Each structure stands twice: as C-alpha cells, then as structure tokens.
Amino acid sequence: MSRPAVYNFSHRIARLDDLEQIVAIYNSTIASRMVTADTEEISVESRLNWFHDHAPETRPLWVVEGENGKILGWLSFSNFYGRPAYSGTAELSIYLHESTRRQGLGRYLLEQAIQFAPQIKVHTLLGFIFGHNVPSMNLFASFDFQIWANMPRVATLDGIERDLIIFGKRVDGT
C-alpha cells in the first residue's frame, strides 16, 4: 500500500475579495482551449452568483494562497444537474495559475476534495474534462476516477469539434 503524498500546500475557503484572482486564473486558461468551453474572458461581475452558490458547508470553493497572498489555484465543488435527487453528487473543477502547474498542486487539491466530500454529504465526484486534455485526464485517473461517459464532438472550439469525457468516482466506499 502506498503512502499518501506530502504536500507543502494548504487551502482555505475563498472570500469575496479572492474573486478577482479566481477569475484571472480562469481567464488565463481560455486561450489554451484545453480546460474550459468559454471562448471569451469572463468578468468578475459575471461570476458573483456563481461565487455565492458555493456555500462552504455544502459546495465549497477553495483557494490555495502563496506566501505573498497571491492565489495559486482553486477548486470548486458544484451541483450536478441541479435536482434534489443528485444532491450527493458534485462536479469538481480545478484551475491553477500557470506558474504552479505540474508542481503537485492539482494532485493536492484533488486528494483533499476526495477526503472532504463525505463531510458535505457527497458520495460521488465528477470531473468534466475535454478529451484532448491529457494532463487532467491522467490526474483524475491517478486517483481511480473512471470514465463514466464519453460525449464525442459536443464542443466546438475554434472550428474543431472536441470530446467531453466525464470521469466519476464513488467516495463512500461502495
């Protein structure tokens, strides 16, 4: 049995004054066409409702802060499908500042989310990942997420049709 990794990161619940940096990290991923289906930058104002939908006790939004107060990355638990019967299922989103990618921060956040999910009555975690985003697919697969759906060519980015892969994992031991 392997030991859990040791990380030099810690996270906290996001505050409203973090939203500008959260949005900046999100916007920095748009041009790559690897992580989000948004094709234009979003505004802080357009994310206010989204921010307030992330109640710490049910669907937290976490940030990892660097020594200088700069947000290095974030993770959100979001409702899946918005119906009461799906309340035990959450979609995870992980976004990292480009200077912190490939340094274990994504692994840290995903590991923490898996451990934390039962505390917010979540038994199933999902990741919606583009089929050409191999690093993210490998990350989720490394934590035993399985491909639960392959939605071929459902997104068009710059004229190129892209697959959406839904990774899933039960975290309650069943």
Protein backbone atom coordinates (compact mmCIF):
# COMPACT_ATOMS: atom_id res chain seq x y z
CA MET A 1 0.00 0.00 0.00
CA SER A 2 1.40 3.39 -0.96
CA ARG A 3 1.70 6.26 1.46
CA PRO A 4 -0.21 9.49 0.84
CA ALA A 5 1.91 12.21 -0.72
CA VAL A 6 3.21 15.03 1.45
CA TYR A 7 2.48 18.47 0.08
CA ASN A 8 3.64 21.95 1.01
CA PHE A 9 0.23 23.42 0.21
CA SER A 10 -2.78 24.33 2.28
CA HIS A 11 -6.16 25.64 1.26
CA ARG A 12 -8.91 27.76 2.71
CA ILE A 13 -12.44 28.80 1.85
CA ALA A 14 -12.47 31.52 -0.80
CA ARG A 15 -13.50 35.02 0.21
CA LEU A 16 -15.25 37.54 -2.00
CA ASP A 17 -12.03 39.56 -2.22
CA ASP A 18 -10.38 36.49 -3.82
CA LEU A 19 -12.82 36.51 -6.73
CA GLU A 20 -10.74 38.82 -8.92
CA GLN A 21 -7.76 36.44 -8.72
CA ILE A 22 -10.01 33.38 -9.17
CA VAL A 23 -11.42 34.89 -12.36
CA ALA A 24 -7.94 35.88 -13.57
CA ILE A 25 -6.73 32.28 -13.22
CA TYR A 26 -9.83 31.02 -15.01
CA ASN A 27 -9.39 33.55 -17.81
CA SER A 28 -5.75 32.57 -18.21
CA THR A 29 -6.86 29.08 -19.29
CA ILE A 30 -9.29 30.14 -22.02
CA ALA A 31 -6.75 30.71 -24.81
CA SER A 32 -5.33 27.18 -24.48
CA ARG A 33 -8.71 25.66 -25.42
CA MET A 34 -7.80 22.79 -23.08
CA VAL A 35 -9.74 23.46 -19.91
CA THR A 36 -12.94 25.44 -20.42
CA ALA A 37 -15.64 25.76 -23.07
CA ASP A 38 -15.66 29.53 -22.61
CA THR A 39 -14.09 31.18 -25.63
CA GLU A 40 -14.02 34.77 -24.32
CA GLU A 41 -12.83 36.10 -20.98
CA ILE A 42 -15.42 36.40 -18.25
CA SER A 43 -15.84 39.27 -15.79
CA VAL A 44 -15.75 39.28 -12.02
CA GLU A 45 -19.32 40.62 -12.05
CA SER A 46 -20.50 37.70 -14.18
CA ARG A 47 -19.16 35.28 -11.54
CA LEU A 48 -20.78 36.82 -8.47
CA ASN A 49 -23.80 34.49 -8.44
CA TRP A 50 -21.51 31.51 -9.10
CA PHE A 51 -19.32 32.57 -6.16
CA HIS A 52 -22.31 32.87 -3.81
CA ASP A 53 -23.60 29.45 -4.91
CA HIS A 54 -20.53 27.93 -3.27
CA ALA A 55 -21.63 27.66 0.34
CA PRO A 56 -18.75 26.35 2.48
CA GLU A 57 -20.97 23.83 4.26
CA THR A 58 -22.35 22.21 1.07
CA ARG A 59 -20.42 23.22 -2.07
CA PRO A 60 -17.16 24.89 -1.03
CA LEU A 61 -14.84 26.94 -3.17
CA TRP A 62 -11.26 26.59 -2.01
CA VAL A 63 -8.17 28.62 -2.82
CA VAL A 64 -4.51 27.89 -2.28
CA GLU A 65 -2.66 31.04 -1.36
CA GLY A 66 1.04 31.68 -1.85
CA GLU A 67 3.32 33.41 0.63
CA ASN A 68 2.57 36.84 -0.81
CA GLY A 69 -1.21 36.39 -0.70
CA LYS A 70 -1.39 35.56 -4.40
CA ILE A 71 -3.89 32.82 -5.25
CA LEU A 72 -2.02 29.86 -6.77
CA GLY A 73 -5.07 27.83 -7.69
CA TRP A 74 -8.61 26.95 -6.76
CA LEU A 75 -11.06 24.07 -6.57
CA SER A 76 -14.83 24.20 -6.57
CA PHE A 77 -17.49 21.66 -5.70
CA SER A 78 -20.55 22.40 -7.86
CA ASN A 79 -24.01 20.95 -8.03
CA PHE A 80 -24.58 18.33 -10.66
CA TYR A 81 -27.74 18.78 -12.70
CA GLY A 82 -29.49 20.95 -10.10
CA ARG A 83 -32.12 18.44 -8.98
CA PRO A 84 -32.57 17.26 -5.36
CA ALA A 85 -32.02 13.59 -6.21
CA TYR A 86 -28.46 14.45 -7.27
CA SER A 87 -27.53 16.24 -4.05
CA GLY A 88 -24.95 13.57 -3.21
CA THR A 89 -23.08 14.20 -6.44
CA ALA A 90 -20.72 17.11 -7.07
CA GLU A 91 -18.70 18.25 -10.05
CA LEU A 92 -15.13 19.22 -9.26
CA SER A 93 -13.32 21.99 -11.10
CA ILE A 94 -9.62 22.68 -10.61
CA TYR A 95 -7.86 25.73 -12.04
CA LEU A 96 -4.22 26.54 -11.44
CA HIS A 97 -2.11 29.63 -12.02
CA GLU A 98 0.18 28.81 -14.93
CA SER A 99 3.28 29.27 -12.76
CA THR A 100 2.13 26.46 -10.43
CA ARG A 101 1.17 23.79 -12.95
CA ARG A 102 2.98 20.43 -12.80
CA GLN A 103 4.12 21.05 -9.22
CA GLY A 104 1.63 18.82 -7.40
CA LEU A 105 -0.99 21.46 -6.64
CA GLY A 106 -3.68 19.75 -8.72
CA ARG A 107 -2.90 16.43 -7.01
CA TYR A 108 -3.08 18.11 -3.63
CA LEU A 109 -6.47 19.71 -4.35
CA LEU A 110 -7.98 16.55 -5.80
CA GLU A 111 -6.77 14.44 -2.88
CA GLN A 112 -8.22 16.94 -0.40
CA ALA A 113 -11.55 17.02 -2.25
CA ILE A 114 -11.85 13.24 -2.20
CA GLN A 115 -11.17 13.14 1.54
CA PHE A 116 -13.52 16.05 2.27
CA ALA A 117 -16.51 15.02 0.15
CA PRO A 118 -18.22 12.80 2.77
CA GLN A 119 -18.20 15.73 5.23
CA ILE A 120 -20.55 17.62 2.90
CA LYS A 121 -22.66 14.51 2.20
CA VAL A 122 -21.17 13.96 -1.25
CA HIS A 123 -20.76 10.32 -2.23
CA THR A 124 -19.99 10.79 -5.92
CA LEU A 125 -17.47 13.11 -7.55
CA LEU A 126 -17.38 14.01 -11.23
CA GLY A 127 -14.84 15.70 -13.45
CA PHE A 128 -15.85 17.06 -16.87
CA ILE A 129 -12.68 17.05 -18.97
CA PHE A 130 -12.03 17.65 -22.66
CA GLY A 131 -10.78 14.52 -24.39
CA HIS A 132 -7.64 16.33 -25.59
CA ASN A 133 -6.74 17.47 -22.05
CA VAL A 134 -4.48 14.52 -21.32
CA PRO A 135 -2.84 16.01 -18.18
CA SER A 136 -6.21 16.46 -16.46
CA MET A 137 -7.45 13.04 -17.55
CA ASN A 138 -4.25 11.48 -16.19
CA LEU A 139 -4.66 13.37 -12.90
CA PHE A 140 -8.19 12.09 -12.34
CA ALA A 141 -7.29 8.56 -13.48
CA SER A 142 -4.39 8.52 -10.99
CA PHE A 143 -6.99 8.82 -8.21
CA ASP A 144 -9.01 5.91 -9.61
CA PHE A 145 -11.66 8.03 -11.30
CA GLN A 146 -13.19 6.02 -14.12
CA ILE A 147 -14.55 7.20 -17.46
CA TRP A 148 -18.30 7.17 -16.98
CA ALA A 149 -19.22 8.94 -20.21
CA ASN A 150 -17.62 9.89 -23.49
CA MET A 151 -19.53 12.58 -25.31
CA PRO A 152 -17.94 12.75 -28.75
CA ARG A 153 -17.62 16.11 -30.52
CA VAL A 154 -20.05 18.00 -28.28
CA ALA A 155 -17.93 21.17 -28.09
CA THR A 156 -16.58 23.25 -30.95
CA LEU A 157 -13.51 25.33 -30.18
CA ASP A 158 -12.09 27.42 -33.00
CA GLY A 159 -13.82 25.23 -35.55
CA ILE A 160 -12.51 21.98 -34.05
CA GLU A 161 -15.02 19.56 -32.55
CA ARG A 162 -13.92 18.26 -29.16
CA ASP A 163 -14.99 15.35 -26.97
CA LEU A 164 -16.09 15.77 -23.37
CA ILE A 165 -15.13 12.95 -21.04
CA ILE A 166 -16.93 12.59 -17.71
CA PHE A 167 -14.82 10.97 -15.02
CA GLY A 168 -16.56 9.66 -11.93
CA LYS A 169 -15.65 8.21 -8.55
CA ARG A 170 -17.67 6.95 -5.59
CA VAL A 171 -16.09 8.23 -2.37
CA ASP A 172 -18.27 6.43 0.16
CA GLY A 173 -16.64 3.05 -0.30
CA THR A 174 -19.44 1.48 -2.36
